[in-house]
Amino acid sequence: MTKEIKNWAAVATQHEYTDLPRDYPYRKLFLQNRIAEYPPYWCFGNIKLSEDQDKKVVLNGEFRDLMFGIGRENAHIHETINGSGGGDLRGYHCTPTVNVNANANNWSKFLAANSVSVYGGNGGYLTAIGEVGGNLVMCLEGWAPHGTLQIPFGLQDEIEDWYDVGAVGNLQLDITDGVSQRTSKVFIQQFRKYA
């Protein structure tokens, strides 16, 4: 089961403490914050998960370090976006929110109409401008889909390898907020038996 545990309005450099449930084994932990033009690592400072008042620290690091480390498996995204060009700026939602790299081509048989400029992408908002009207296609890639960091626990296809918290007395998530005033969220994915 996947469920949202908490959301809060982030305040710069403030610690947000969350006591996580200990009822079922954890498959994944998700952290999300999304703001146009800013990568999510601006929204989250340090992220620490610990057991029993820091007797065991399960993870401790910044968003970007965790994303390129333990959370790397599903953090990279390839995407194609179709849109319309024109002499004005056009904004497009994109799935990746960190280090977005995009290329665009205008669908035109005229050489002069093929110039398209694409920039931005951090926070999931990409801007494109073409010389003349017409359609365009953008191929892009980047990290952190929808401003989310996914932290897997154990081998994802083996339930026995997931993070069993049954013997843990206290499981606390301590997130230091970054610069964002936007809403941050914590989700968990757990193994729940229905039979």
N, C-alpha and C. Protein backbone atom coordinates (compact mmCIF):
# COMPACT_ATOMS: atom_id res chain seq x y z
N MET A 1 0.85 -1.18 0.00
CA MET A 1 0.00 0.00 0.00
C MET A 1 0.89 1.23 0.00
N THR A 2 0.43 2.26 -0.69
CA THR A 2 1.14 3.52 -0.75
C THR A 2 0.23 4.60 -0.20
N LYS A 3 0.76 5.41 0.72
CA LYS A 3 -0.09 6.44 1.30
C LYS A 3 0.74 7.66 1.70
N GLU A 4 0.05 8.80 1.68
CA GLU A 4 0.68 10.04 2.14
C GLU A 4 0.63 10.05 3.67
N ILE A 5 1.77 10.32 4.29
CA ILE A 5 1.86 10.36 5.74
C ILE A 5 1.71 11.78 6.26
N LYS A 6 2.29 12.74 5.52
CA LYS A 6 2.30 14.11 6.03
C LYS A 6 2.55 15.09 4.90
N ASN A 7 1.99 16.30 5.05
CA ASN A 7 2.38 17.42 4.20
C ASN A 7 2.44 18.66 5.08
N TRP A 8 3.31 19.58 4.73
CA TRP A 8 3.50 20.78 5.54
C TRP A 8 4.01 21.92 4.67
N ALA A 9 3.77 23.12 5.11
CA ALA A 9 4.30 24.31 4.43
C ALA A 9 5.73 24.52 4.92
N ALA A 10 6.67 24.35 4.01
CA ALA A 10 8.09 24.42 4.37
C ALA A 10 8.47 25.84 4.80
N VAL A 11 9.33 25.92 5.80
CA VAL A 11 9.89 27.18 6.28
C VAL A 11 11.40 27.01 6.26
N ALA A 12 12.11 27.92 5.60
CA ALA A 12 13.55 27.79 5.39
C ALA A 12 14.30 27.44 6.68
N THR A 13 15.15 26.42 6.58
CA THR A 13 16.05 25.90 7.63
C THR A 13 15.35 25.32 8.85
N GLN A 14 14.06 25.21 8.83
CA GLN A 14 13.32 24.63 9.97
C GLN A 14 13.36 23.11 9.89
N HIS A 15 13.46 22.46 11.04
CA HIS A 15 13.40 20.99 11.10
C HIS A 15 11.94 20.57 11.15
N GLU A 16 11.59 19.60 10.33
CA GLU A 16 10.25 19.03 10.35
C GLU A 16 10.40 17.57 10.77
N TYR A 17 9.89 17.25 11.96
CA TYR A 17 10.00 15.90 12.51
C TYR A 17 8.71 15.14 12.25
N THR A 18 8.85 13.89 11.81
CA THR A 18 7.70 13.04 11.53
C THR A 18 7.94 11.67 12.14
N ASP A 19 7.05 11.27 13.03
CA ASP A 19 7.09 9.91 13.56
C ASP A 19 6.38 9.00 12.56
N LEU A 20 7.13 8.09 11.97
CA LEU A 20 6.58 7.21 10.94
C LEU A 20 5.95 5.97 11.58
N PRO A 21 4.92 5.42 10.93
CA PRO A 21 4.27 4.21 11.47
C PRO A 21 5.22 3.01 11.45
N ARG A 22 4.98 2.08 12.37
CA ARG A 22 5.80 0.88 12.49
C ARG A 22 4.95 -0.38 12.37
N ASP A 23 3.85 -0.27 11.62
CA ASP A 23 2.90 -1.38 11.54
C ASP A 23 3.23 -2.42 10.48
N TYR A 24 3.83 -2.01 9.36
CA TYR A 24 4.12 -2.94 8.26
C TYR A 24 5.52 -2.67 7.72
N PRO A 25 6.15 -3.69 7.09
CA PRO A 25 7.47 -3.49 6.49
C PRO A 25 7.43 -2.42 5.39
N TYR A 26 8.51 -1.65 5.28
CA TYR A 26 8.63 -0.59 4.29
C TYR A 26 9.29 -1.09 3.01
N ARG A 27 8.67 -0.75 1.90
CA ARG A 27 9.31 -1.00 0.60
C ARG A 27 10.02 0.25 0.13
N LYS A 28 9.35 1.42 0.27
CA LYS A 28 9.93 2.68 -0.20
C LYS A 28 9.48 3.84 0.67
N LEU A 29 10.28 4.88 0.63
CA LEU A 29 9.95 6.16 1.23
C LEU A 29 10.05 7.20 0.12
N PHE A 30 9.05 8.07 0.01
CA PHE A 30 9.04 9.11 -1.01
C PHE A 30 8.98 10.48 -0.36
N LEU A 31 9.76 11.43 -0.86
CA LEU A 31 9.71 12.82 -0.44
C LEU A 31 9.44 13.67 -1.66
N GLN A 32 8.52 14.63 -1.55
CA GLN A 32 8.16 15.44 -2.72
C GLN A 32 7.99 16.90 -2.35
N ASN A 33 8.51 17.76 -3.21
CA ASN A 33 8.25 19.19 -3.17
C ASN A 33 8.53 19.72 -4.57
N ARG A 34 7.61 20.49 -5.08
CA ARG A 34 7.74 20.93 -6.46
C ARG A 34 7.41 22.41 -6.56
N ILE A 35 8.32 23.17 -7.15
CA ILE A 35 8.11 24.59 -7.38
C ILE A 35 8.75 24.94 -8.72
N ALA A 36 8.01 25.60 -9.58
CA ALA A 36 8.50 25.92 -10.92
C ALA A 36 9.81 26.71 -10.85
N GLU A 37 10.74 26.31 -11.69
CA GLU A 37 12.04 26.95 -11.88
C GLU A 37 13.06 26.63 -10.78
N TYR A 38 12.69 25.83 -9.78
CA TYR A 38 13.63 25.48 -8.72
C TYR A 38 13.68 23.96 -8.56
N PRO A 39 14.87 23.38 -8.50
CA PRO A 39 14.95 21.93 -8.29
C PRO A 39 14.53 21.58 -6.86
N PRO A 40 14.05 20.36 -6.65
CA PRO A 40 13.57 19.98 -5.31
C PRO A 40 14.65 19.99 -4.24
N TYR A 41 15.92 19.90 -4.63
CA TYR A 41 16.95 19.95 -3.59
C TYR A 41 17.09 21.36 -3.00
N TRP A 42 16.45 22.37 -3.59
CA TRP A 42 16.36 23.69 -2.96
C TRP A 42 15.29 23.67 -1.87
N CYS A 43 14.34 22.77 -2.01
CA CYS A 43 13.21 22.69 -1.09
C CYS A 43 13.51 21.84 0.14
N PHE A 44 14.39 20.86 -0.02
CA PHE A 44 14.77 19.99 1.08
C PHE A 44 16.23 20.24 1.43
N GLY A 45 16.51 20.36 2.70
CA GLY A 45 17.90 20.42 3.15
C GLY A 45 18.34 19.01 3.46
N ASN A 46 18.70 18.76 4.69
CA ASN A 46 19.14 17.42 5.09
C ASN A 46 17.95 16.52 5.39
N ILE A 47 18.11 15.23 5.10
CA ILE A 47 17.07 14.23 5.32
C ILE A 47 17.68 13.13 6.18
N LYS A 48 17.08 12.90 7.34
CA LYS A 48 17.61 11.88 8.24
C LYS A 48 16.47 10.98 8.72
N LEU A 49 16.70 9.67 8.63
CA LEU A 49 15.77 8.67 9.14
C LEU A 49 16.50 7.88 10.21
N SER A 50 15.93 7.85 11.41
CA SER A 50 16.63 7.16 12.50
C SER A 50 15.66 6.34 13.36
N GLU A 51 16.23 5.34 14.00
CA GLU A 51 15.48 4.47 14.89
C GLU A 51 15.81 4.81 16.34
N ASP A 52 14.81 4.74 17.20
CA ASP A 52 14.99 4.81 18.65
C ASP A 52 15.90 5.94 19.11
N GLN A 53 15.49 7.16 18.83
CA GLN A 53 16.21 8.36 19.24
C GLN A 53 17.68 8.33 18.81
N ASP A 54 17.90 8.05 17.52
CA ASP A 54 19.23 8.06 16.88
C ASP A 54 20.15 6.92 17.31
N LYS A 55 19.62 5.87 17.91
CA LYS A 55 20.48 4.72 18.22
C LYS A 55 20.98 4.08 16.93
N LYS A 56 20.14 4.11 15.91
CA LYS A 56 20.55 3.64 14.58
C LYS A 56 20.06 4.67 13.57
N VAL A 57 20.99 5.20 12.76
CA VAL A 57 20.64 6.15 11.70
C VAL A 57 20.57 5.36 10.39
N VAL A 58 19.37 5.26 9.84
CA VAL A 58 19.14 4.46 8.63
C VAL A 58 19.66 5.20 7.40
N LEU A 59 19.40 6.49 7.34
CA LEU A 59 19.94 7.32 6.26
C LEU A 59 20.09 8.75 6.76
N ASN A 60 21.07 9.45 6.16
CA ASN A 60 21.35 10.82 6.56
C ASN A 60 22.09 11.49 5.42
N GLY A 61 21.44 12.43 4.75
CA GLY A 61 22.09 13.11 3.63
C GLY A 61 21.17 14.13 3.00
N GLU A 62 21.71 14.84 2.01
CA GLU A 62 20.93 15.84 1.30
C GLU A 62 20.21 15.20 0.12
N PHE A 63 19.16 15.84 -0.34
CA PHE A 63 18.30 15.33 -1.42
C PHE A 63 19.13 14.87 -2.61
N ARG A 64 19.99 15.74 -3.10
CA ARG A 64 20.78 15.44 -4.31
C ARG A 64 21.70 14.24 -4.09
N ASP A 65 22.35 14.18 -2.93
CA ASP A 65 23.24 13.05 -2.65
C ASP A 65 22.46 11.73 -2.56
N LEU A 66 21.31 11.76 -1.92
CA LEU A 66 20.49 10.56 -1.82
C LEU A 66 19.92 10.15 -3.18
N MET A 67 19.56 11.14 -4.01
CA MET A 67 19.00 10.85 -5.33
C MET A 67 20.04 10.17 -6.22
N PHE A 68 21.28 10.65 -6.18
CA PHE A 68 22.33 10.04 -7.01
C PHE A 68 22.97 8.83 -6.34
N GLY A 69 22.57 8.53 -5.11
CA GLY A 69 23.08 7.37 -4.39
C GLY A 69 22.01 6.30 -4.30
N ILE A 70 21.42 6.15 -3.10
CA ILE A 70 20.44 5.10 -2.85
C ILE A 70 19.19 5.22 -3.72
N GLY A 71 18.80 6.44 -4.10
CA GLY A 71 17.58 6.64 -4.87
C GLY A 71 17.77 6.71 -6.37
N ARG A 72 18.94 6.35 -6.87
CA ARG A 72 19.27 6.53 -8.29
C ARG A 72 18.45 5.64 -9.24
N GLU A 73 18.01 4.49 -8.78
CA GLU A 73 17.39 3.47 -9.65
C GLU A 73 16.26 4.02 -10.51
N ASN A 74 15.33 4.76 -9.94
CA ASN A 74 14.20 5.27 -10.72
C ASN A 74 14.16 6.80 -10.79
N ALA A 75 15.31 7.43 -10.62
CA ALA A 75 15.34 8.89 -10.58
C ALA A 75 15.50 9.53 -11.96
N HIS A 76 16.00 8.79 -12.96
CA HIS A 76 16.27 9.36 -14.28
C HIS A 76 15.08 9.14 -15.22
N ILE A 77 14.72 10.18 -15.96
CA ILE A 77 13.53 10.16 -16.83
C ILE A 77 13.89 10.61 -18.24
N HIS A 78 13.37 9.91 -19.24
CA HIS A 78 13.40 10.35 -20.64
C HIS A 78 11.96 10.66 -21.02
N GLU A 79 11.76 11.76 -21.73
CA GLU A 79 10.40 12.17 -22.07
C GLU A 79 10.38 12.89 -23.41
N THR A 80 9.27 12.78 -24.11
CA THR A 80 9.05 13.52 -25.35
C THR A 80 7.80 14.37 -25.17
N ILE A 81 7.89 15.65 -25.56
CA ILE A 81 6.77 16.57 -25.47
C ILE A 81 6.51 17.17 -26.84
N ASN A 82 5.27 17.13 -27.28
CA ASN A 82 4.87 17.80 -28.52
C ASN A 82 4.18 19.10 -28.16
N GLY A 83 4.45 20.13 -28.92
CA GLY A 83 3.84 21.42 -28.62
C GLY A 83 3.74 22.28 -29.87
N SER A 84 3.40 23.52 -29.68
CA SER A 84 3.31 24.44 -30.80
C SER A 84 4.35 25.54 -30.63
N GLY A 85 4.99 25.89 -31.73
CA GLY A 85 5.99 26.95 -31.73
C GLY A 85 5.34 28.31 -31.90
N GLY A 86 6.08 29.22 -32.40
CA GLY A 86 5.56 30.56 -32.58
C GLY A 86 6.58 31.57 -32.09
N GLY A 87 6.32 32.81 -32.32
CA GLY A 87 7.25 33.86 -31.95
C GLY A 87 7.17 34.25 -30.50
N ASP A 88 6.38 33.55 -29.71
CA ASP A 88 6.25 33.90 -28.30
C ASP A 88 6.72 32.75 -27.42
N LEU A 89 6.92 33.03 -26.17
CA LEU A 89 7.34 32.00 -25.22
C LEU A 89 6.17 31.09 -24.88
N ARG A 90 6.46 29.80 -24.80
CA ARG A 90 5.45 28.83 -24.41
C ARG A 90 6.00 28.00 -23.26
N GLY A 91 5.21 27.83 -22.22
CA GLY A 91 5.63 27.02 -21.09
C GLY A 91 5.03 25.63 -21.17
N TYR A 92 5.81 24.64 -20.75
CA TYR A 92 5.37 23.26 -20.79
C TYR A 92 5.72 22.56 -19.48
N HIS A 93 4.77 21.77 -18.98
CA HIS A 93 5.07 20.91 -17.83
C HIS A 93 5.96 19.78 -18.32
N CYS A 94 6.98 19.44 -17.54
CA CYS A 94 7.79 18.26 -17.84
C CYS A 94 7.96 17.43 -16.58
N THR A 95 8.15 16.14 -16.73
CA THR A 95 8.22 15.23 -15.60
C THR A 95 9.49 15.38 -14.78
N PRO A 96 10.69 15.43 -15.41
CA PRO A 96 11.90 15.62 -14.59
C PRO A 96 11.95 17.03 -14.01
N THR A 97 12.60 17.17 -12.85
CA THR A 97 12.66 18.47 -12.19
C THR A 97 14.08 18.90 -11.81
N VAL A 98 15.08 18.06 -12.10
CA VAL A 98 16.47 18.37 -11.79
C VAL A 98 17.33 18.12 -13.02
N ASN A 99 18.25 19.05 -13.32
CA ASN A 99 19.19 18.92 -14.44
C ASN A 99 18.49 18.52 -15.75
N VAL A 100 17.45 19.24 -16.11
CA VAL A 100 16.69 18.93 -17.31
C VAL A 100 17.48 19.38 -18.54
N ASN A 101 17.65 18.47 -19.49
CA ASN A 101 18.36 18.74 -20.74
C ASN A 101 17.38 18.47 -21.87
N ALA A 102 17.05 19.51 -22.66
CA ALA A 102 16.03 19.35 -23.71
C ALA A 102 16.56 19.83 -25.05
N ASN A 103 16.12 19.16 -26.10
CA ASN A 103 16.37 19.57 -27.49
C ASN A 103 15.03 19.62 -28.19
N ALA A 104 14.88 20.58 -29.09
CA ALA A 104 13.60 20.73 -29.79
C ALA A 104 13.82 20.93 -31.28
N ASN A 105 12.87 20.42 -32.05
CA ASN A 105 12.85 20.63 -33.50
C ASN A 105 11.47 21.11 -33.90
N ASN A 106 11.45 22.05 -34.83
CA ASN A 106 10.20 22.55 -35.37
C ASN A 106 9.80 21.67 -36.54
N TRP A 107 8.51 21.36 -36.65
CA TRP A 107 8.03 20.54 -37.75
C TRP A 107 7.75 21.43 -38.94
N SER A 108 8.77 21.74 -39.69
CA SER A 108 8.59 22.62 -40.85
C SER A 108 9.55 22.20 -41.95
N LYS A 109 9.10 22.34 -43.19
CA LYS A 109 9.97 22.01 -44.31
C LYS A 109 10.86 23.19 -44.68
N PHE A 110 10.64 24.33 -44.06
CA PHE A 110 11.43 25.52 -44.36
C PHE A 110 12.57 25.66 -43.37
N LEU A 111 13.78 25.80 -43.87
CA LEU A 111 14.97 25.85 -43.04
C LEU A 111 14.91 27.01 -42.05
N ALA A 112 14.44 28.15 -42.50
CA ALA A 112 14.42 29.34 -41.64
C ALA A 112 13.49 29.18 -40.45
N ALA A 113 12.53 28.29 -40.57
CA ALA A 113 11.55 28.11 -39.49
C ALA A 113 11.98 27.06 -38.47
N ASN A 114 13.17 26.50 -38.63
CA ASN A 114 13.59 25.40 -37.76
C ASN A 114 14.25 25.82 -36.46
N SER A 115 14.44 27.09 -36.24
CA SER A 115 15.12 27.52 -35.03
C SER A 115 14.18 27.54 -33.83
N VAL A 116 14.51 26.74 -32.83
CA VAL A 116 13.73 26.66 -31.61
C VAL A 116 14.70 26.73 -30.43
N SER A 117 14.38 27.53 -29.46
CA SER A 117 15.19 27.63 -28.26
C SER A 117 14.40 27.05 -27.09
N VAL A 118 15.06 26.20 -26.29
CA VAL A 118 14.42 25.58 -25.14
C VAL A 118 15.30 25.83 -23.93
N TYR A 119 14.70 26.25 -22.84
CA TYR A 119 15.49 26.47 -21.63
C TYR A 119 14.64 26.22 -20.39
N GLY A 120 15.33 26.18 -19.26
CA GLY A 120 14.64 25.92 -17.99
C GLY A 120 14.47 24.43 -17.77
N GLY A 121 13.47 24.08 -17.05
CA GLY A 121 13.15 22.69 -16.76
C GLY A 121 13.22 22.36 -15.29
N ASN A 122 14.04 23.09 -14.54
CA ASN A 122 14.08 22.83 -13.10
C ASN A 122 12.70 23.06 -12.50
N GLY A 123 12.32 22.19 -11.61
CA GLY A 123 11.00 22.29 -11.01
C GLY A 123 9.88 21.77 -11.89
N GLY A 124 10.23 21.25 -13.09
CA GLY A 124 9.22 20.68 -13.97
C GLY A 124 8.54 21.67 -14.88
N TYR A 125 9.18 22.81 -15.14
CA TYR A 125 8.59 23.82 -16.03
C TYR A 125 9.62 24.20 -17.08
N LEU A 126 9.32 23.87 -18.33
CA LEU A 126 10.22 24.07 -19.46
C LEU A 126 9.67 25.17 -20.36
N THR A 127 10.53 26.02 -20.89
CA THR A 127 10.10 27.11 -21.76
C THR A 127 10.70 26.93 -23.15
N ALA A 128 9.89 27.14 -24.18
CA ALA A 128 10.34 27.02 -25.57
C ALA A 128 9.87 28.23 -26.36
N ILE A 129 10.69 28.65 -27.32
CA ILE A 129 10.31 29.71 -28.24
C ILE A 129 10.83 29.34 -29.62
N GLY A 130 9.95 29.45 -30.63
CA GLY A 130 10.32 29.17 -32.01
C GLY A 130 10.25 30.44 -32.84
N GLU A 131 10.96 30.47 -33.96
CA GLU A 131 10.97 31.66 -34.81
C GLU A 131 9.61 31.97 -35.41
N VAL A 132 8.95 30.95 -35.90
CA VAL A 132 7.64 31.15 -36.52
C VAL A 132 6.66 30.12 -35.97
N GLY A 133 5.42 30.23 -36.38
CA GLY A 133 4.40 29.29 -35.95
C GLY A 133 4.67 27.89 -36.45
N GLY A 134 4.00 26.94 -35.87
CA GLY A 134 4.15 25.55 -36.27
C GLY A 134 4.30 24.67 -35.05
N ASN A 135 4.34 23.39 -35.30
CA ASN A 135 4.46 22.44 -34.20
C ASN A 135 5.93 22.13 -33.92
N LEU A 136 6.20 21.68 -32.72
CA LEU A 136 7.56 21.29 -32.38
C LEU A 136 7.53 20.05 -31.52
N VAL A 137 8.64 19.35 -31.49
CA VAL A 137 8.80 18.17 -30.64
C VAL A 137 10.06 18.37 -29.81
N MET A 138 9.94 18.09 -28.51
CA MET A 138 11.07 18.23 -27.61
C MET A 138 11.41 16.86 -27.02
N CYS A 139 12.66 16.50 -27.08
CA CYS A 139 13.16 15.29 -26.43
C CYS A 139 13.98 15.76 -25.24
N LEU A 140 13.66 15.24 -24.06
CA LEU A 140 14.35 15.71 -22.88
C LEU A 140 14.62 14.59 -21.91
N GLU A 141 15.54 14.86 -21.01
CA GLU A 141 15.85 13.94 -19.94
C GLU A 141 16.24 14.74 -18.71
N GLY A 142 16.14 14.10 -17.56
CA GLY A 142 16.49 14.75 -16.32
C GLY A 142 16.23 13.81 -15.16
N TRP A 143 16.22 14.38 -13.97
CA TRP A 143 16.14 13.59 -12.75
C TRP A 143 14.96 14.03 -11.88
N ALA A 144 14.63 13.23 -10.90
CA ALA A 144 13.61 13.51 -9.88
C ALA A 144 12.23 13.74 -10.48
N PRO A 145 11.55 12.68 -10.94
CA PRO A 145 10.23 12.84 -11.54
C PRO A 145 9.23 13.49 -10.57
N HIS A 146 8.56 14.52 -11.05
CA HIS A 146 7.55 15.25 -10.28
C HIS A 146 8.08 15.78 -8.94
N GLY A 147 9.39 16.10 -8.90
CA GLY A 147 9.99 16.65 -7.69
C GLY A 147 10.08 15.64 -6.55
N THR A 148 10.17 14.37 -6.91
CA THR A 148 10.12 13.30 -5.92
C THR A 148 11.44 12.56 -5.79
N LEU A 149 11.82 12.29 -4.56
CA LEU A 149 12.94 11.41 -4.25
C LEU A 149 12.36 10.10 -3.75
N GLN A 150 12.76 9.01 -4.39
CA GLN A 150 12.32 7.68 -3.99
C GLN A 150 13.48 6.97 -3.31
N ILE A 151 13.26 6.52 -2.10
CA ILE A 151 14.30 5.79 -1.37
C ILE A 151 13.82 4.35 -1.19
N PRO A 152 14.42 3.41 -1.93
CA PRO A 152 14.01 2.01 -1.80
C PRO A 152 14.68 1.34 -0.60
N PHE A 153 13.99 0.39 0.00
CA PHE A 153 14.55 -0.38 1.10
C PHE A 153 14.67 -1.82 0.66
N GLY A 154 15.89 -2.30 0.53
CA GLY A 154 16.13 -3.68 0.15
C GLY A 154 15.89 -3.95 -1.33
N LEU A 155 15.96 -5.23 -1.69
CA LEU A 155 15.69 -5.65 -3.06
C LEU A 155 14.18 -5.52 -3.29
N GLN A 156 13.79 -4.73 -4.26
CA GLN A 156 12.39 -4.36 -4.44
C GLN A 156 11.47 -5.51 -4.82
N ASP A 157 12.01 -6.56 -5.41
CA ASP A 157 11.20 -7.70 -5.81
C ASP A 157 11.16 -8.81 -4.76
N GLU A 158 11.83 -8.59 -3.62
CA GLU A 158 11.88 -9.60 -2.57
C GLU A 158 11.34 -9.02 -1.27
N ILE A 159 10.12 -9.39 -0.93
CA ILE A 159 9.45 -8.86 0.25
C ILE A 159 10.27 -9.11 1.51
N GLU A 160 10.94 -10.25 1.60
CA GLU A 160 11.71 -10.59 2.79
C GLU A 160 12.87 -9.61 3.01
N ASP A 161 13.29 -8.90 1.97
CA ASP A 161 14.44 -8.00 2.06
C ASP A 161 14.03 -6.56 2.40
N TRP A 162 12.75 -6.28 2.48
CA TRP A 162 12.30 -4.92 2.78
C TRP A 162 12.61 -4.57 4.23
N TYR A 163 12.44 -3.32 4.56
CA TYR A 163 12.79 -2.78 5.88
C TYR A 163 11.71 -3.13 6.89
N ASP A 164 11.98 -4.13 7.72
CA ASP A 164 11.02 -4.57 8.74
C ASP A 164 11.19 -3.70 9.99
N VAL A 165 10.16 -2.95 10.32
CA VAL A 165 10.23 -2.00 11.44
C VAL A 165 9.48 -2.52 12.66
N GLY A 166 9.09 -3.79 12.65
CA GLY A 166 8.30 -4.35 13.75
C GLY A 166 8.99 -4.29 15.10
N ALA A 167 10.32 -4.42 15.14
CA ALA A 167 11.05 -4.42 16.40
C ALA A 167 11.56 -3.03 16.79
N VAL A 168 11.27 -2.04 15.96
CA VAL A 168 11.75 -0.67 16.21
C VAL A 168 10.79 0.02 17.18
N GLY A 169 11.33 0.68 18.19
CA GLY A 169 10.49 1.39 19.15
C GLY A 169 10.00 2.74 18.64
N ASN A 170 10.86 3.45 17.92
CA ASN A 170 10.52 4.77 17.39
C ASN A 170 11.23 4.94 16.05
N LEU A 171 10.49 5.37 15.04
CA LEU A 171 11.06 5.61 13.72
C LEU A 171 10.75 7.06 13.34
N GLN A 172 11.80 7.88 13.28
CA GLN A 172 11.58 9.31 13.07
C GLN A 172 12.31 9.81 11.84
N LEU A 173 11.59 10.60 11.06
CA LEU A 173 12.14 11.28 9.90
C LEU A 173 12.35 12.74 10.28
N ASP A 174 13.56 13.23 10.08
CA ASP A 174 13.92 14.62 10.39
C ASP A 174 14.36 15.28 9.10
N ILE A 175 13.54 16.20 8.59
CA ILE A 175 13.85 16.90 7.35
C ILE A 175 14.10 18.37 7.66
N THR A 176 15.25 18.85 7.23
CA THR A 176 15.54 20.28 7.33
C THR A 176 15.04 20.93 6.05
N ASP A 177 14.10 21.86 6.18
CA ASP A 177 13.54 22.52 5.01
C ASP A 177 14.60 23.38 4.33
N GLY A 178 14.46 23.48 3.01
CA GLY A 178 15.34 24.34 2.23
C GLY A 178 14.76 25.75 2.15
N VAL A 179 14.84 26.35 0.97
CA VAL A 179 14.42 27.75 0.82
C VAL A 179 12.96 27.90 0.43
N SER A 180 12.31 26.81 0.09
CA SER A 180 10.95 26.90 -0.46
C SER A 180 9.90 27.17 0.60
N GLN A 181 8.88 27.90 0.23
CA GLN A 181 7.70 28.10 1.07
C GLN A 181 6.56 27.20 0.60
N ARG A 182 6.83 26.29 -0.30
CA ARG A 182 5.81 25.41 -0.86
C ARG A 182 5.56 24.21 0.03
N THR A 183 4.55 23.43 -0.33
CA THR A 183 4.17 22.26 0.45
C THR A 183 5.11 21.08 0.17
N SER A 184 5.65 20.52 1.22
CA SER A 184 6.45 19.31 1.14
C SER A 184 5.58 18.14 1.57
N LYS A 185 5.90 16.95 1.03
CA LYS A 185 5.09 15.77 1.33
C LYS A 185 5.97 14.56 1.59
N VAL A 186 5.47 13.67 2.44
CA VAL A 186 6.11 12.39 2.72
C VAL A 186 5.10 11.29 2.42
N PHE A 187 5.53 10.31 1.62
CA PHE A 187 4.72 9.13 1.30
C PHE A 187 5.52 7.90 1.69
N ILE A 188 4.81 6.83 2.01
CA ILE A 188 5.48 5.55 2.25
C ILE A 188 4.77 4.46 1.45
N GLN A 189 5.52 3.43 1.15
CA GLN A 189 4.96 2.24 0.50
C GLN A 189 5.31 1.05 1.39
N GLN A 190 4.29 0.32 1.83
CA GLN A 190 4.48 -0.77 2.77
C GLN A 190 3.82 -2.05 2.27
N PHE A 191 4.26 -3.16 2.86
CA PHE A 191 3.66 -4.46 2.57
C PHE A 191 2.57 -4.74 3.59
N ARG A 192 1.34 -4.81 3.13
CA ARG A 192 0.20 -5.08 4.01
C ARG A 192 -0.50 -6.33 3.54
N LYS A 193 -0.65 -7.30 4.42
CA LYS A 193 -1.36 -8.53 4.09
C LYS A 193 -2.84 -8.31 4.35
N TYR A 194 -3.68 -8.72 3.40
CA TYR A 194 -5.11 -8.56 3.55
C TYR A 194 -5.81 -9.86 3.95
N ALA A 195 -5.08 -10.94 3.93
CA ALA A 195 -5.69 -12.23 4.29
C ALA A 195 -5.38 -12.63 5.71
